[in-house]
Full PDB file with SEQRES, HELIX, SHEET, SSBOND, CRYST1, ORIGX, SCALE, CONECT and MASTER records, all heavy atoms in Angstrom:
SEQRES   1 A   40  LYS PHE ILE CYS PRO VAL PRO GLY TYR ASP ARG HIS PHE          
SEQRES   2 A   40  GLY ILE CYS GLU PHE TYR GLY ILE LYS MET ILE ASN VAL          
SEQRES   3 A   40  PRO LEU GLY ALA ASP GLY PRO ASP MET GLU ALA VAL ASN          
SEQRES   4 A   40  GLU                                                          
HELIX    1 AA1 ASP A   10  TYR A   19  1                                  10    
HELIX    2 AA2 MET A   35  ASN A   39  1                                   5    
SHEET    1 AA1 3 PHE A   2  VAL A   6  0                                        
SHEET    2 AA1 3 MET A  23  GLY A  29  1                                        
SHEET    3 AA1 3 GLY A  32  PRO A  33 -1                                        
CRYST1    1.000    1.000    1.000  90.00  90.00  90.00 P 1           1          
ORIGX1      1.000000  0.000000  0.000000        0.00000                         
ORIGX2      0.000000  1.000000  0.000000        0.00000                         
ORIGX3      0.000000  0.000000  1.000000        0.00000                         
SCALE1      1.000000  0.000000  0.000000        0.00000                         
SCALE2      0.000000  1.000000  0.000000        0.00000                         
SCALE3      0.000000  0.000000  1.000000        0.00000                         
ATOM      1  N   LYS A   1       0.837  -1.206   0.000  1.00  0.00           N  
ATOM      2  CA  LYS A   1       0.000   0.000   0.000  1.00  0.00           C  
ATOM      3  C   LYS A   1       0.868   1.250   0.000  1.00  0.00           C  
ATOM      4  O   LYS A   1       1.985   1.243   0.506  1.00  0.00           O  
ATOM      5  CB  LYS A   1      -0.900  -0.005   1.244  1.00  0.00           C  
ATOM      6  CG  LYS A   1      -1.740  -1.259   1.398  1.00  0.00           C  
ATOM      7  CD  LYS A   1      -2.337  -1.359   2.796  1.00  0.00           C  
ATOM      8  CE  LYS A   1      -3.003  -2.710   3.012  1.00  0.00           C  
ATOM      9  NZ  LYS A   1      -3.416  -2.897   4.423  1.00  0.00           N  
ATOM     10  N   PHE A   2       0.312   2.308  -0.553  1.00  0.00           N  
ATOM     11  CA  PHE A   2       0.945   3.621  -0.538  1.00  0.00           C  
ATOM     12  C   PHE A   2      -0.040   4.641   0.022  1.00  0.00           C  
ATOM     13  O   PHE A   2      -1.244   4.585  -0.265  1.00  0.00           O  
ATOM     14  CB  PHE A   2       1.365   4.036  -1.952  1.00  0.00           C  
ATOM     15  CG  PHE A   2       2.850   3.999  -2.183  1.00  0.00           C  
ATOM     16  CD1 PHE A   2       3.577   2.842  -1.955  1.00  0.00           C  
ATOM     17  CD2 PHE A   2       3.528   5.117  -2.630  1.00  0.00           C  
ATOM     18  CE1 PHE A   2       4.946   2.797  -2.181  1.00  0.00           C  
ATOM     19  CE2 PHE A   2       4.889   5.091  -2.865  1.00  0.00           C  
ATOM     20  CZ  PHE A   2       5.610   3.936  -2.632  1.00  0.00           C  
ATOM     21  N   ILE A   3       0.492   5.575   0.799  1.00  0.00           N  
ATOM     22  CA  ILE A   3      -0.295   6.703   1.295  1.00  0.00           C  
ATOM     23  C   ILE A   3      -0.290   7.786   0.221  1.00  0.00           C  
ATOM     24  O   ILE A   3       0.764   8.126  -0.320  1.00  0.00           O  
ATOM     25  CB  ILE A   3       0.298   7.251   2.609  1.00  0.00           C  
ATOM     26  CG1 ILE A   3       0.260   6.171   3.693  1.00  0.00           C  
ATOM     27  CG2 ILE A   3      -0.437   8.503   3.051  1.00  0.00           C  
ATOM     28  CD1 ILE A   3       1.093   6.519   4.913  1.00  0.00           C  
ATOM     29  N   CYS A   4      -1.462   8.328  -0.081  1.00  0.00           N  
ATOM     30  CA  CYS A   4      -1.574   9.349  -1.122  1.00  0.00           C  
ATOM     31  C   CYS A   4      -2.275  10.588  -0.570  1.00  0.00           C  
ATOM     32  O   CYS A   4      -3.499  10.576  -0.377  1.00  0.00           O  
ATOM     33  CB  CYS A   4      -2.359   8.810  -2.311  1.00  0.00           C  
ATOM     34  SG  CYS A   4      -1.554   7.428  -3.147  1.00  0.00           S  
ATOM     35  N   PRO A   5      -1.523  11.667  -0.276  1.00  0.00           N  
ATOM     36  CA  PRO A   5      -2.174  12.922   0.117  1.00  0.00           C  
ATOM     37  C   PRO A   5      -3.070  13.405  -1.026  1.00  0.00           C  
ATOM     38  O   PRO A   5      -2.656  13.417  -2.196  1.00  0.00           O  
ATOM     39  CB  PRO A   5      -1.000  13.874   0.348  1.00  0.00           C  
ATOM     40  CG  PRO A   5       0.169  12.979   0.637  1.00  0.00           C  
ATOM     41  CD  PRO A   5      -0.054  11.772  -0.224  1.00  0.00           C  
ATOM     42  N   VAL A   6      -4.310  13.788  -0.676  1.00  0.00           N  
ATOM     43  CA  VAL A   6      -5.266  14.204  -1.706  1.00  0.00           C  
ATOM     44  C   VAL A   6      -5.889  15.562  -1.348  1.00  0.00           C  
ATOM     45  O   VAL A   6      -6.085  15.875  -0.184  1.00  0.00           O  
ATOM     46  CB  VAL A   6      -6.376  13.148  -1.875  1.00  0.00           C  
ATOM     47  CG1 VAL A   6      -5.823  11.880  -2.472  1.00  0.00           C  
ATOM     48  CG2 VAL A   6      -7.095  12.846  -0.560  1.00  0.00           C  
ATOM     49  N   PRO A   7      -6.179  16.357  -2.418  1.00  0.00           N  
ATOM     50  CA  PRO A   7      -5.985  16.054  -3.835  1.00  0.00           C  
ATOM     51  C   PRO A   7      -4.507  16.004  -4.206  1.00  0.00           C  
ATOM     52  O   PRO A   7      -3.678  16.664  -3.584  1.00  0.00           O  
ATOM     53  CB  PRO A   7      -6.714  17.196  -4.551  1.00  0.00           C  
ATOM     54  CG  PRO A   7      -6.707  18.323  -3.576  1.00  0.00           C  
ATOM     55  CD  PRO A   7      -6.807  17.687  -2.215  1.00  0.00           C  
ATOM     56  N   GLY A   8      -4.190  15.191  -5.235  1.00  0.00           N  
ATOM     57  CA  GLY A   8      -2.798  15.000  -5.597  1.00  0.00           C  
ATOM     58  C   GLY A   8      -2.606  14.854  -7.093  1.00  0.00           C  
ATOM     59  O   GLY A   8      -3.502  15.172  -7.898  1.00  0.00           O  
ATOM     60  N   TYR A   9      -1.447  14.327  -7.472  1.00  0.00           N  
ATOM     61  CA  TYR A   9      -1.001  14.273  -8.859  1.00  0.00           C  
ATOM     62  C   TYR A   9      -1.407  12.956  -9.497  1.00  0.00           C  
ATOM     63  O   TYR A   9      -1.012  11.878  -9.032  1.00  0.00           O  
ATOM     64  CB  TYR A   9       0.513  14.456  -8.876  1.00  0.00           C  
ATOM     65  CG  TYR A   9       1.178  14.488 -10.221  1.00  0.00           C  
ATOM     66  CD1 TYR A   9       0.524  14.941 -11.368  1.00  0.00           C  
ATOM     67  CD2 TYR A   9       2.499  14.064 -10.352  1.00  0.00           C  
ATOM     68  CE1 TYR A   9       1.157  14.979 -12.596  1.00  0.00           C  
ATOM     69  CE2 TYR A   9       3.152  14.099 -11.582  1.00  0.00           C  
ATOM     70  CZ  TYR A   9       2.476  14.556 -12.704  1.00  0.00           C  
ATOM     71  OH  TYR A   9       3.116  14.585 -13.912  1.00  0.00           O  
ATOM     72  N   ASP A  10      -2.161  13.031 -10.576  1.00  0.00           N  
ATOM     73  CA  ASP A  10      -2.715  11.814 -11.185  1.00  0.00           C  
ATOM     74  C   ASP A  10      -1.650  10.847 -11.690  1.00  0.00           C  
ATOM     75  O   ASP A  10      -1.857   9.640 -11.688  1.00  0.00           O  
ATOM     76  CB  ASP A  10      -3.687  12.173 -12.313  1.00  0.00           C  
ATOM     77  CG  ASP A  10      -3.090  13.067 -13.398  1.00  0.00           C  
ATOM     78  OD1 ASP A  10      -2.101  13.762 -13.121  1.00  0.00           O  
ATOM     79  OD2 ASP A  10      -3.628  13.086 -14.518  1.00  0.00           O  
ATOM     80  N   ARG A  11      -0.490  11.347 -12.110  1.00  0.00           N  
ATOM     81  CA  ARG A  11       0.536  10.444 -12.640  1.00  0.00           C  
ATOM     82  C   ARG A  11       1.192   9.624 -11.518  1.00  0.00           C  
ATOM     83  O   ARG A  11       1.645   8.511 -11.753  1.00  0.00           O  
ATOM     84  CB  ARG A  11       1.561  11.213 -13.458  1.00  0.00           C  
ATOM     85  CG  ARG A  11       0.953  11.846 -14.708  1.00  0.00           C  
ATOM     86  CD  ARG A  11       1.995  12.267 -15.706  1.00  0.00           C  
ATOM     87  NE  ARG A  11       1.424  13.012 -16.818  1.00  0.00           N  
ATOM     88  CZ  ARG A  11       0.874  12.474 -17.904  1.00  0.00           C  
ATOM     89  NH1 ARG A  11       0.790  11.153 -18.007  1.00  0.00           N  
ATOM     90  NH2 ARG A  11       0.401  13.234 -18.878  1.00  0.00           N  
ATOM     91  N   HIS A  12       1.245  10.171 -10.326  1.00  0.00           N  
ATOM     92  CA  HIS A  12       1.690   9.372  -9.180  1.00  0.00           C  
ATOM     93  C   HIS A  12       0.723   8.204  -8.963  1.00  0.00           C  
ATOM     94  O   HIS A  12       1.133   7.055  -8.766  1.00  0.00           O  
ATOM     95  CB  HIS A  12       1.727  10.222  -7.914  1.00  0.00           C  
ATOM     96  CG  HIS A  12       2.831  11.227  -7.887  1.00  0.00           C  
ATOM     97  ND1 HIS A  12       2.846  12.283  -7.006  1.00  0.00           N  
ATOM     98  CD2 HIS A  12       3.967  11.338  -8.615  1.00  0.00           C  
ATOM     99  CE1 HIS A  12       3.947  12.996  -7.201  1.00  0.00           C  
ATOM    100  NE2 HIS A  12       4.635  12.442  -8.167  1.00  0.00           N  
ATOM    101  N   PHE A  13      -0.557   8.526  -8.998  1.00  0.00           N  
ATOM    102  CA  PHE A  13      -1.568   7.482  -8.787  1.00  0.00           C  
ATOM    103  C   PHE A  13      -1.480   6.427  -9.888  1.00  0.00           C  
ATOM    104  O   PHE A  13      -1.687   5.234  -9.651  1.00  0.00           O  
ATOM    105  CB  PHE A  13      -2.972   8.090  -8.765  1.00  0.00           C  
ATOM    106  CG  PHE A  13      -3.142   9.226  -7.784  1.00  0.00           C  
ATOM    107  CD1 PHE A  13      -4.014  10.269  -8.058  1.00  0.00           C  
ATOM    108  CD2 PHE A  13      -2.432   9.260  -6.592  1.00  0.00           C  
ATOM    109  CE1 PHE A  13      -4.181  11.314  -7.167  1.00  0.00           C  
ATOM    110  CE2 PHE A  13      -2.592  10.308  -5.691  1.00  0.00           C  
ATOM    111  CZ  PHE A  13      -3.466  11.338  -5.982  1.00  0.00           C  
ATOM    112  N   GLY A  14      -1.162   6.890 -11.094  1.00  0.00           N  
ATOM    113  CA  GLY A  14      -1.058   5.967 -12.220  1.00  0.00           C  
ATOM    114  C   GLY A  14       0.047   4.940 -12.033  1.00  0.00           C  
ATOM    115  O   GLY A  14      -0.107   3.771 -12.418  1.00  0.00           O  
ATOM    116  N   ILE A  15       1.176   5.365 -11.448  1.00  0.00           N  
ATOM    117  CA  ILE A  15       2.277   4.426 -11.187  1.00  0.00           C  
ATOM    118  C   ILE A  15       1.810   3.334 -10.228  1.00  0.00           C  
ATOM    119  O   ILE A  15       2.042   2.144 -10.442  1.00  0.00           O  
ATOM    120  CB  ILE A  15       3.501   5.165 -10.621  1.00  0.00           C  
ATOM    121  CG1 ILE A  15       4.099   6.105 -11.664  1.00  0.00           C  
ATOM    122  CG2 ILE A  15       4.566   4.163 -10.156  1.00  0.00           C  
ATOM    123  CD1 ILE A  15       5.211   7.000 -11.128  1.00  0.00           C  
ATOM    124  N   CYS A  16       1.141   3.764  -9.163  1.00  0.00           N  
ATOM    125  CA  CYS A  16       0.644   2.786  -8.183  1.00  0.00           C  
ATOM    126  C   CYS A  16      -0.364   1.836  -8.819  1.00  0.00           C  
ATOM    127  O   CYS A  16      -0.317   0.614  -8.607  1.00  0.00           O  
ATOM    128  CB  CYS A  16      -0.011   3.508  -7.004  1.00  0.00           C  
ATOM    129  SG  CYS A  16       1.147   4.318  -5.890  1.00  0.00           S  
ATOM    130  N   GLU A  17      -1.262   2.393  -9.606  1.00  0.00           N  
ATOM    131  CA  GLU A  17      -2.288   1.550 -10.218  1.00  0.00           C  
ATOM    132  C   GLU A  17      -1.654   0.556 -11.189  1.00  0.00           C  
ATOM    133  O   GLU A  17      -2.091  -0.603 -11.286  1.00  0.00           O  
ATOM    134  CB  GLU A  17      -3.312   2.437 -10.932  1.00  0.00           C  
ATOM    135  CG  GLU A  17      -4.601   1.732 -11.238  1.00  0.00           C  
ATOM    136  CD  GLU A  17      -5.769   2.677 -11.501  1.00  0.00           C  
ATOM    137  OE1 GLU A  17      -5.565   3.907 -11.489  1.00  0.00           O  
ATOM    138  OE2 GLU A  17      -6.882   2.164 -11.729  1.00  0.00           O  
ATOM    139  N   PHE A  18      -0.617   0.978 -11.910  1.00  0.00           N  
ATOM    140  CA  PHE A  18       0.078   0.110 -12.858  1.00  0.00           C  
ATOM    141  C   PHE A  18       0.627  -1.132 -12.158  1.00  0.00           C  
ATOM    142  O   PHE A  18       0.572  -2.242 -12.695  1.00  0.00           O  
ATOM    143  CB  PHE A  18       1.208   0.888 -13.532  1.00  0.00           C  
ATOM    144  CG  PHE A  18       1.982   0.099 -14.542  1.00  0.00           C  
ATOM    145  CD1 PHE A  18       1.523  -0.019 -15.850  1.00  0.00           C  
ATOM    146  CD2 PHE A  18       3.170  -0.530 -14.202  1.00  0.00           C  
ATOM    147  CE1 PHE A  18       2.243  -0.756 -16.796  1.00  0.00           C  
ATOM    148  CE2 PHE A  18       3.888  -1.261 -15.137  1.00  0.00           C  
ATOM    149  CZ  PHE A  18       3.423  -1.375 -16.441  1.00  0.00           C  
ATOM    150  N   TYR A  19       1.156  -0.938 -10.948  1.00  0.00           N  
ATOM    151  CA  TYR A  19       1.764  -2.053 -10.218  1.00  0.00           C  
ATOM    152  C   TYR A  19       0.811  -2.714  -9.225  1.00  0.00           C  
ATOM    153  O   TYR A  19       1.223  -3.599  -8.471  1.00  0.00           O  
ATOM    154  CB  TYR A  19       3.019  -1.579  -9.493  1.00  0.00           C  
ATOM    155  CG  TYR A  19       4.215  -1.497 -10.411  1.00  0.00           C  
ATOM    156  CD1 TYR A  19       4.770  -0.278 -10.756  1.00  0.00           C  
ATOM    157  CD2 TYR A  19       4.762  -2.649 -10.966  1.00  0.00           C  
ATOM    158  CE1 TYR A  19       5.861  -0.204 -11.623  1.00  0.00           C  
ATOM    159  CE2 TYR A  19       5.850  -2.582 -11.831  1.00  0.00           C  
ATOM    160  CZ  TYR A  19       6.390  -1.361 -12.152  1.00  0.00           C  
ATOM    161  OH  TYR A  19       7.451  -1.290 -13.011  1.00  0.00           O  
ATOM    162  N   GLY A  20      -0.438  -2.276  -9.206  1.00  0.00           N  
ATOM    163  CA  GLY A  20      -1.395  -2.883  -8.295  1.00  0.00           C  
ATOM    164  C   GLY A  20      -1.150  -2.523  -6.845  1.00  0.00           C  
ATOM    165  O   GLY A  20      -1.541  -3.269  -5.929  1.00  0.00           O  
ATOM    166  N   ILE A  21      -0.504  -1.399  -6.602  1.00  0.00           N  
ATOM    167  CA  ILE A  21      -0.266  -0.928  -5.232  1.00  0.00           C  
ATOM    168  C   ILE A  21      -1.539  -0.249  -4.730  1.00  0.00           C  
ATOM    169  O   ILE A  21      -2.049   0.684  -5.360  1.00  0.00           O  
ATOM    170  CB  ILE A  21       0.912   0.067  -5.192  1.00  0.00           C  
ATOM    171  CG1 ILE A  21       2.205  -0.621  -5.651  1.00  0.00           C  
ATOM    172  CG2 ILE A  21       1.085   0.655  -3.793  1.00  0.00           C  
ATOM    173  CD1 ILE A  21       3.378   0.327  -5.840  1.00  0.00           C  
ATOM    174  N   LYS A  22      -2.059  -0.709  -3.632  1.00  0.00           N  
ATOM    175  CA  LYS A  22      -3.284  -0.140  -3.088  1.00  0.00           C  
ATOM    176  C   LYS A  22      -3.022   1.262  -2.560  1.00  0.00           C  
ATOM    177  O   LYS A  22      -2.085   1.479  -1.788  1.00  0.00           O  
ATOM    178  CB  LYS A  22      -3.838  -1.018  -1.964  1.00  0.00           C  
ATOM    179  CG  LYS A  22      -5.151  -0.504  -1.394  1.00  0.00           C  
ATOM    180  CD  LYS A  22      -5.695  -1.425  -0.301  1.00  0.00           C  
ATOM    181  CE  LYS A  22      -7.001  -0.889   0.258  1.00  0.00           C  
ATOM    182  NZ  LYS A  22      -7.547  -1.790   1.315  1.00  0.00           N  
ATOM    183  N   MET A  23      -3.852   2.199  -2.957  1.00  0.00           N  
ATOM    184  CA  MET A  23      -3.674   3.595  -2.539  1.00  0.00           C  
ATOM    185  C   MET A  23      -4.662   3.964  -1.435  1.00  0.00           C  
ATOM    186  O   MET A  23      -5.846   3.631  -1.504  1.00  0.00           O  
ATOM    187  CB  MET A  23      -3.850   4.521  -3.746  1.00  0.00           C  
ATOM    188  CG  MET A  23      -2.754   4.366  -4.787  1.00  0.00           C  
ATOM    189  SD  MET A  23      -3.021   5.382  -6.265  1.00  0.00           S  
ATOM    190  CE  MET A  23      -4.128   4.328  -7.221  1.00  0.00           C  
ATOM    191  N   ILE A  24      -4.146   4.668  -0.436  1.00  0.00           N  
ATOM    192  CA  ILE A  24      -4.959   5.080   0.710  1.00  0.00           C  
ATOM    193  C   ILE A  24      -4.944   6.606   0.787  1.00  0.00           C  
ATOM    194  O   ILE A  24      -3.886   7.234   0.925  1.00  0.00           O  
ATOM    195  CB  ILE A  24      -4.422   4.488   2.021  1.00  0.00           C  
ATOM    196  CG1 ILE A  24      -4.287   2.970   1.909  1.00  0.00           C  
ATOM    197  CG2 ILE A  24      -5.326   4.873   3.179  1.00  0.00           C  
ATOM    198  CD1 ILE A  24      -3.583   2.327   3.096  1.00  0.00           C  
ATOM    199  N   ASN A  25      -6.125   7.199   0.702  1.00  0.00           N  
ATOM    200  CA  ASN A  25      -6.232   8.656   0.747  1.00  0.00           C  
ATOM    201  C   ASN A  25      -5.927   9.204   2.134  1.00  0.00           C  
ATOM    202  O   ASN A  25      -6.380   8.648   3.150  1.00  0.00           O  
ATOM    203  CB  ASN A  25      -7.641   9.106   0.362  1.00  0.00           C  
ATOM    204  CG  ASN A  25      -7.997   8.809  -1.077  1.00  0.00           C  
ATOM    205  OD1 ASN A  25      -7.195   8.236  -1.811  1.00  0.00           O  
ATOM    206  ND2 ASN A  25      -9.186   9.202  -1.494  1.00  0.00           N  
ATOM    207  N   VAL A  26      -5.182  10.309   2.166  1.00  0.00           N  
ATOM    208  CA  VAL A  26      -4.970  11.082   3.387  1.00  0.00           C  
ATOM    209  C   VAL A  26      -5.197  12.552   3.031  1.00  0.00           C  
ATOM    210  O   VAL A  26      -4.645  13.032   2.027  1.00  0.00           O  
ATOM    211  CB  VAL A  26      -3.539  10.878   3.948  1.00  0.00           C  
ATOM    212  CG1 VAL A  26      -3.194  11.959   4.955  1.00  0.00           C  
ATOM    213  CG2 VAL A  26      -3.421   9.512   4.595  1.00  0.00           C  
ATOM    214  N   PRO A  27      -5.999  13.273   3.790  1.00  0.00           N  
ATOM    215  CA  PRO A  27      -6.280  14.661   3.436  1.00  0.00           C  
ATOM    216  C   PRO A  27      -5.022  15.522   3.422  1.00  0.00           C  
ATOM    217  O   PRO A  27      -4.166  15.413   4.304  1.00  0.00           O  
ATOM    218  CB  PRO A  27      -7.239  15.128   4.545  1.00  0.00           C  
ATOM    219  CG  PRO A  27      -7.828  13.876   5.098  1.00  0.00           C  
ATOM    220  CD  PRO A  27      -6.759  12.830   4.981  1.00  0.00           C  
ATOM    221  N   LEU A  28      -4.913  16.375   2.398  1.00  0.00           N  
ATOM    222  CA  LEU A  28      -3.829  17.351   2.302  1.00  0.00           C  
ATOM    223  C   LEU A  28      -4.389  18.704   2.715  1.00  0.00           C  
ATOM    224  O   LEU A  28      -5.256  19.260   2.032  1.00  0.00           O  
ATOM    225  CB  LEU A  28      -3.296  17.417   0.867  1.00  0.00           C  
ATOM    226  CG  LEU A  28      -2.136  18.382   0.626  1.00  0.00           C  
ATOM    227  CD1 LEU A  28      -0.875  17.894   1.333  1.00  0.00           C  
ATOM    228  CD2 LEU A  28      -1.872  18.536  -0.874  1.00  0.00           C  
ATOM    229  N   GLY A  29      -3.891  19.220   3.847  1.00  0.00           N  
ATOM    230  CA  GLY A  29      -4.364  20.508   4.336  1.00  0.00           C  
ATOM    231  C   GLY A  29      -3.576  21.665   3.771  1.00  0.00           C  
ATOM    232  O   GLY A  29      -2.764  21.511   2.859  1.00  0.00           O  
ATOM    233  N   ALA A  30      -3.766  22.827   4.349  1.00  0.00           N  
ATOM    234  CA  ALA A  30      -3.102  24.037   3.872  1.00  0.00           C  
ATOM    235  C   ALA A  30      -1.611  24.042   4.168  1.00  0.00           C  
ATOM    236  O   ALA A  30      -0.862  24.842   3.599  1.00  0.00           O  
ATOM    237  CB  ALA A  30      -3.756  25.269   4.498  1.00  0.00           C  
ATOM    238  N   ASP A  31      -1.159  23.127   5.050  1.00  0.00           N  
ATOM    239  CA  ASP A  31       0.267  23.099   5.403  1.00  0.00           C  
ATOM    240  C   ASP A  31       0.893  21.715   5.240  1.00  0.00           C  
ATOM    241  O   ASP A  31       2.009  21.483   5.688  1.00  0.00           O  
ATOM    242  CB  ASP A  31       0.472  23.593   6.830  1.00  0.00           C  
ATOM    243  CG  ASP A  31      -0.178  22.695   7.871  1.00  0.00           C  
ATOM    244  OD1 ASP A  31      -1.015  21.852   7.477  1.00  0.00           O  
ATOM    245  OD2 ASP A  31       0.151  22.823   9.061  1.00  0.00           O  
ATOM    246  N   GLY A  32       0.152  20.793   4.586  1.00  0.00           N  
ATOM    247  CA  GLY A  32       0.708  19.464   4.377  1.00  0.00           C  
ATOM    248  C   GLY A  32      -0.276  18.361   4.724  1.00  0.00           C  
ATOM    249  O   GLY A  32      -1.432  18.624   5.067  1.00  0.00           O  
ATOM    250  N   PRO A  33       0.170  17.105   4.654  1.00  0.00           N  
ATOM    251  CA  PRO A  33      -0.736  15.975   4.913  1.00  0.00           C  
ATOM    252  C   PRO A  33      -1.133  15.860   6.377  1.00  0.00           C  
ATOM    253  O   PRO A  33      -0.433  16.344   7.267  1.00  0.00           O  
ATOM    254  CB  PRO A  33       0.092  14.764   4.468  1.00  0.00           C  
ATOM    255  CG  PRO A  33       1.507  15.211   4.477  1.00  0.00           C  
ATOM    256  CD  PRO A  33       1.521  16.681   4.248  1.00  0.00           C  
ATOM    257  N   ASP A  34      -2.251  15.205   6.605  1.00  0.00           N  
ATOM    258  CA  ASP A  34      -2.753  14.936   7.958  1.00  0.00           C  
ATOM    259  C   ASP A  34      -1.826  13.907   8.606  1.00  0.00           C  
ATOM    260  O   ASP A  34      -1.911  12.707   8.334  1.00  0.00           O  
ATOM    261  CB  ASP A  34      -4.183  14.396   7.854  1.00  0.00           C  
ATOM    262  CG  ASP A  34      -4.801  14.062   9.207  1.00  0.00           C  
ATOM    263  OD1 ASP A  34      -4.056  13.943  10.203  1.00  0.00           O  
ATOM    264  OD2 ASP A  34      -6.032  13.897   9.258  1.00  0.00           O  
ATOM    265  N   MET A  35      -0.932  14.372   9.475  1.00  0.00           N  
ATOM    266  CA  MET A  35       0.082  13.495  10.039  1.00  0.00           C  
ATOM    267  C   MET A  35      -0.473  12.529  11.072  1.00  0.00           C  
ATOM    268  O   MET A  35       0.100  11.461  11.292  1.00  0.00           O  
ATOM    269  CB  MET A  35       1.227  14.316  10.628  1.00  0.00           C  
ATOM    270  CG  MET A  35       2.098  14.995   9.583  1.00  0.00           C  
ATOM    271  SD  MET A  35       2.692  13.843   8.300  1.00  0.00           S  
ATOM    272  CE  MET A  35       3.611  12.649   9.279  1.00  0.00           C  
ATOM    273  N   GLU A  36      -1.571  12.864  11.682  1.00  0.00           N  
ATOM    274  CA  GLU A  36      -2.193  11.911  12.606  1.00  0.00           C  
ATOM    275  C   GLU A  36      -2.642  10.673  11.833  1.00  0.00           C  
ATOM    276  O   GLU A  36      -2.422   9.536  12.263  1.00  0.00           O  
ATOM    277  CB  GLU A  36      -3.385  12.561  13.311  1.00  0.00           C  
ATOM    278  CG  GLU A  36      -4.012  11.676  14.371  1.00  0.00           C  
ATOM    279  CD  GLU A  36      -5.120  12.359  15.150  1.00  0.00           C  
ATOM    280  OE1 GLU A  36      -5.201  13.613  15.115  1.00  0.00           O  
ATOM    281  OE2 GLU A  36      -5.903  11.637  15.804  1.00  0.00           O  
ATOM    282  N   ALA A  37      -3.244  10.908  10.660  1.00  0.00           N  
ATOM    283  CA  ALA A  37      -3.684   9.792   9.823  1.00  0.00           C  
ATOM    284  C   ALA A  37      -2.476   9.020   9.277  1.00  0.00           C  
ATOM    285  O   ALA A  37      -2.477   7.785   9.252  1.00  0.00           O  
ATOM    286  CB  ALA A  37      -4.537  10.310   8.668  1.00  0.00           C  
ATOM    287  N   VAL A  38      -1.432   9.750   8.849  1.00  0.00           N  
ATOM    288  CA  VAL A  38      -0.232   9.104   8.303  1.00  0.00           C  
ATOM    289  C   VAL A  38       0.405   8.202   9.352  1.00  0.00           C  
ATOM    290  O   VAL A  38       0.748   7.044   9.084  1.00  0.00           O  
ATOM    291  CB  VAL A  38       0.779  10.157   7.806  1.00  0.00           C  
ATOM    292  CG1 VAL A  38       2.135   9.505   7.504  1.00  0.00           C  
ATOM    293  CG2 VAL A  38       0.252  10.876   6.574  1.00  0.00           C  
ATOM    294  N   ASN A  39       0.586   8.716  10.565  1.00  0.00           N  
ATOM    295  CA  ASN A  39       1.255   7.942  11.617  1.00  0.00           C  
ATOM    296  C   ASN A  39       0.455   6.716  12.030  1.00  0.00           C  
ATOM    297  O   ASN A  39       1.040   5.710  12.475  1.00  0.00           O  
ATOM    298  CB  ASN A  39       1.527   8.839  12.826  1.00  0.00           C  
ATOM    299  CG  ASN A  39       2.712   9.761  12.592  1.00  0.00           C  
ATOM    300  OD1 ASN A  39       3.692   9.378  11.955  1.00  0.00           O  
ATOM    301  ND2 ASN A  39       2.628  10.990  13.078  1.00  0.00           N  
ATOM    302  N   GLU A  40      -0.843   6.779  11.879  1.00  0.00           N  
ATOM    303  CA  GLU A  40      -1.668   5.602  12.173  1.00  0.00           C  
ATOM    304  C   GLU A  40      -1.489   4.551  11.074  1.00  0.00           C  
ATOM    305  O   GLU A  40      -1.342   3.354  11.353  1.00  0.00           O  
ATOM    306  CB  GLU A  40      -3.134   6.011  12.276  1.00  0.00           C  
ATOM    307  CG  GLU A  40      -4.073   4.895  12.720  1.00  0.00           C  
ATOM    308  CD  GLU A  40      -3.749   4.361  14.113  1.00  0.00           C  
ATOM    309  OE1 GLU A  40      -3.276   5.143  14.976  1.00  0.00           O  
ATOM    310  OE2 GLU A  40      -3.978   3.146  14.332  1.00  0.00           O  
TER     311      GLU A  40                                                      
MASTER        0    0    0    2    3    0    0    6  310    1    0    4          
END                                                                             
């Protein structure tokens, strides 16, 4: 699995999808990704 801050870059998602890597959304705020969610 890969963590994907969203909204994000579609070509990054495309790489993961190509290899069957499961993507998990994490909200991207005004100063970066939700680190509480990332650390969990």
